[in-house]
Amino acid sequence: VDVCPKGLNPTKAIGKIKELMVRRAL
């Protein structure tokens, strides 16, 4: 799974990045 897929929309990519950051923070 790519960390920052260029095929997805920017909004979706940002949402996924935020989710990953939140999961890492926990």
PDB file of N, CA and C in Angstrom:
ATOM      1  N   VAL A   1       0.855  -1.199   0.000  1.00  0.00           N
ATOM      2  CA  VAL A   1       0.000   0.000   0.000  1.00  0.00           C
ATOM      3  C   VAL A   1       0.886   1.242   0.000  1.00  0.00           C
ATOM      4  N   ASP A   2       0.661   2.124  -0.971  1.00  0.00           N
ATOM      5  CA  ASP A   2       1.475   3.348  -1.038  1.00  0.00           C
ATOM      6  C   ASP A   2       1.101   4.294   0.096  1.00  0.00           C
ATOM      7  N   VAL A   3       2.095   5.004   0.608  1.00  0.00           N
ATOM      8  CA  VAL A   3       1.824   5.947   1.705  1.00  0.00           C
ATOM      9  C   VAL A   3       1.024   7.132   1.180  1.00  0.00           C
ATOM     10  N   CYS A   4       1.376   7.627  -0.021  1.00  0.00           N
ATOM     11  CA  CYS A   4       0.658   8.771  -0.594  1.00  0.00           C
ATOM     12  C   CYS A   4       0.356   8.485  -2.065  1.00  0.00           C
ATOM     13  N   PRO A   5      -0.708   7.720  -2.308  1.00  0.00           N
ATOM     14  CA  PRO A   5      -1.087   7.392  -3.685  1.00  0.00           C
ATOM     15  C   PRO A   5      -1.458   8.635  -4.478  1.00  0.00           C
ATOM     16  N   LYS A   6      -0.892   8.779  -5.670  1.00  0.00           N
ATOM     17  CA  LYS A   6      -1.180   9.972  -6.483  1.00  0.00           C
ATOM     18  C   LYS A   6      -2.500   9.825  -7.232  1.00  0.00           C
ATOM     19  N   GLY A   7      -3.027   8.595  -7.293  1.00  0.00           N
ATOM     20  CA  GLY A   7      -4.273   8.360  -8.033  1.00  0.00           C
ATOM     21  C   GLY A   7      -5.493   8.856  -7.262  1.00  0.00           C
ATOM     22  N   LEU A   8      -5.399   8.893  -5.932  1.00  0.00           N
ATOM     23  CA  LEU A   8      -6.559   9.310  -5.137  1.00  0.00           C
ATOM     24  C   LEU A   8      -6.690  10.825  -5.115  1.00  0.00           C
ATOM     25  N   ASN A   9      -7.877  11.293  -4.745  1.00  0.00           N
ATOM     26  CA  ASN A   9      -8.107  12.743  -4.679  1.00  0.00           C
ATOM     27  C   ASN A   9      -7.335  13.309  -3.489  1.00  0.00           C
ATOM     28  N   PRO A  10      -6.928  14.570  -3.579  1.00  0.00           N
ATOM     29  CA  PRO A  10      -6.175  15.209  -2.480  1.00  0.00           C
ATOM     30  C   PRO A  10      -6.936  15.135  -1.158  1.00  0.00           C
ATOM     31  N   THR A  11      -8.236  15.370  -1.215  1.00  0.00           N
ATOM     32  CA  THR A  11      -9.025  15.361   0.026  1.00  0.00           C
ATOM     33  C   THR A  11      -8.994  13.973   0.648  1.00  0.00           C
ATOM     34  N   LYS A  12      -9.160  12.948  -0.188  1.00  0.00           N
ATOM     35  CA  LYS A  12      -9.147  11.576   0.342  1.00  0.00           C
ATOM     36  C   LYS A  12      -7.769  11.252   0.886  1.00  0.00           C
ATOM     37  N   ALA A  13      -6.734  11.677   0.189  1.00  0.00           N
ATOM     38  CA  ALA A  13      -5.364  11.396   0.637  1.00  0.00           C
ATOM     39  C   ALA A  13      -5.114  12.066   1.983  1.00  0.00           C
ATOM     40  N   ILE A  14      -5.549  13.315   2.120  1.00  0.00           N
ATOM     41  CA  ILE A  14      -5.348  14.047   3.376  1.00  0.00           C
ATOM     42  C   ILE A  14      -6.099  13.335   4.504  1.00  0.00           C
ATOM     43  N   GLY A  15      -7.304  12.892   4.200  1.00  0.00           N
ATOM     44  CA  GLY A  15      -8.097  12.182   5.218  1.00  0.00           C
ATOM     45  C   GLY A  15      -7.372  10.933   5.683  1.00  0.00           C
ATOM     46  N   LYS A  16      -6.799  10.212   4.727  1.00  0.00           N
ATOM     47  CA  LYS A  16      -6.087   8.972   5.102  1.00  0.00           C
ATOM     48  C   LYS A  16      -4.848   9.301   5.911  1.00  0.00           C
ATOM     49  N   ILE A  17      -4.141  10.342   5.516  1.00  0.00           N
ATOM     50  CA  ILE A  17      -2.931  10.731   6.254  1.00  0.00           C
ATOM     51  C   ILE A  17      -3.307  11.129   7.680  1.00  0.00           C
ATOM     52  N   LYS A  18      -4.398  11.888   7.806  1.00  0.00           N
ATOM     53  CA  LYS A  18      -4.829  12.309   9.149  1.00  0.00           C
ATOM     54  C   LYS A  18      -5.178  11.081   9.978  1.00  0.00           C
ATOM     55  N   GLU A  19      -5.857  10.123   9.350  1.00  0.00           N
ATOM     56  CA  GLU A  19      -6.248   8.908  10.080  1.00  0.00           C
ATOM     57  C   GLU A  19      -4.999   8.175  10.561  1.00  0.00           C
ATOM     58  N   LEU A  20      -4.002   8.072   9.686  1.00  0.00           N
ATOM     59  CA  LEU A  20      -2.761   7.375  10.064  1.00  0.00           C
ATOM     60  C   LEU A  20      -2.083   8.110  11.215  1.00  0.00           C
ATOM     61  N   MET A  21      -2.058   9.437  11.148  1.00  0.00           N
ATOM     62  CA  MET A  21      -1.409  10.224  12.204  1.00  0.00           C
ATOM     63  C   MET A  21      -2.147  10.016  13.526  1.00  0.00           C
ATOM     64  N   VAL A  22      -3.480  10.012  13.463  1.00  0.00           N
ATOM     65  CA  VAL A  22      -4.267   9.828  14.690  1.00  0.00           C
ATOM     66  C   VAL A  22      -3.991   8.448  15.267  1.00  0.00           C
ATOM     67  N   ARG A  23      -3.946   7.438  14.394  1.00  0.00           N
ATOM     68  CA  ARG A  23      -3.694   6.072  14.886  1.00  0.00           C
ATOM     69  C   ARG A  23      -2.297   5.987  15.496  1.00  0.00           C
ATOM     70  N   ARG A  24      -1.345   6.684  14.917  1.00  0.00           N
ATOM     71  CA  ARG A  24       0.029   6.625  15.451  1.00  0.00           C
ATOM     72  C   ARG A  24       0.091   7.350  16.782  1.00  0.00           C
ATOM     73  N   ALA A  25      -0.674   8.422  16.916  1.00  0.00           N
ATOM     74  CA  ALA A  25      -0.644   9.201  18.155  1.00  0.00           C
ATOM     75  C   ALA A  25      -1.189   8.356  19.308  1.00  0.00           C
ATOM     76  N   LEU A  26      -2.174   7.525  19.039  1.00  0.00           N
ATOM     77  CA  LEU A  26      -2.771   6.708  20.103  1.00  0.00           C
ATOM     78  C   LEU A  26      -1.796   5.632  20.569  1.00  0.00           C
TER      79      LEU A  26
END
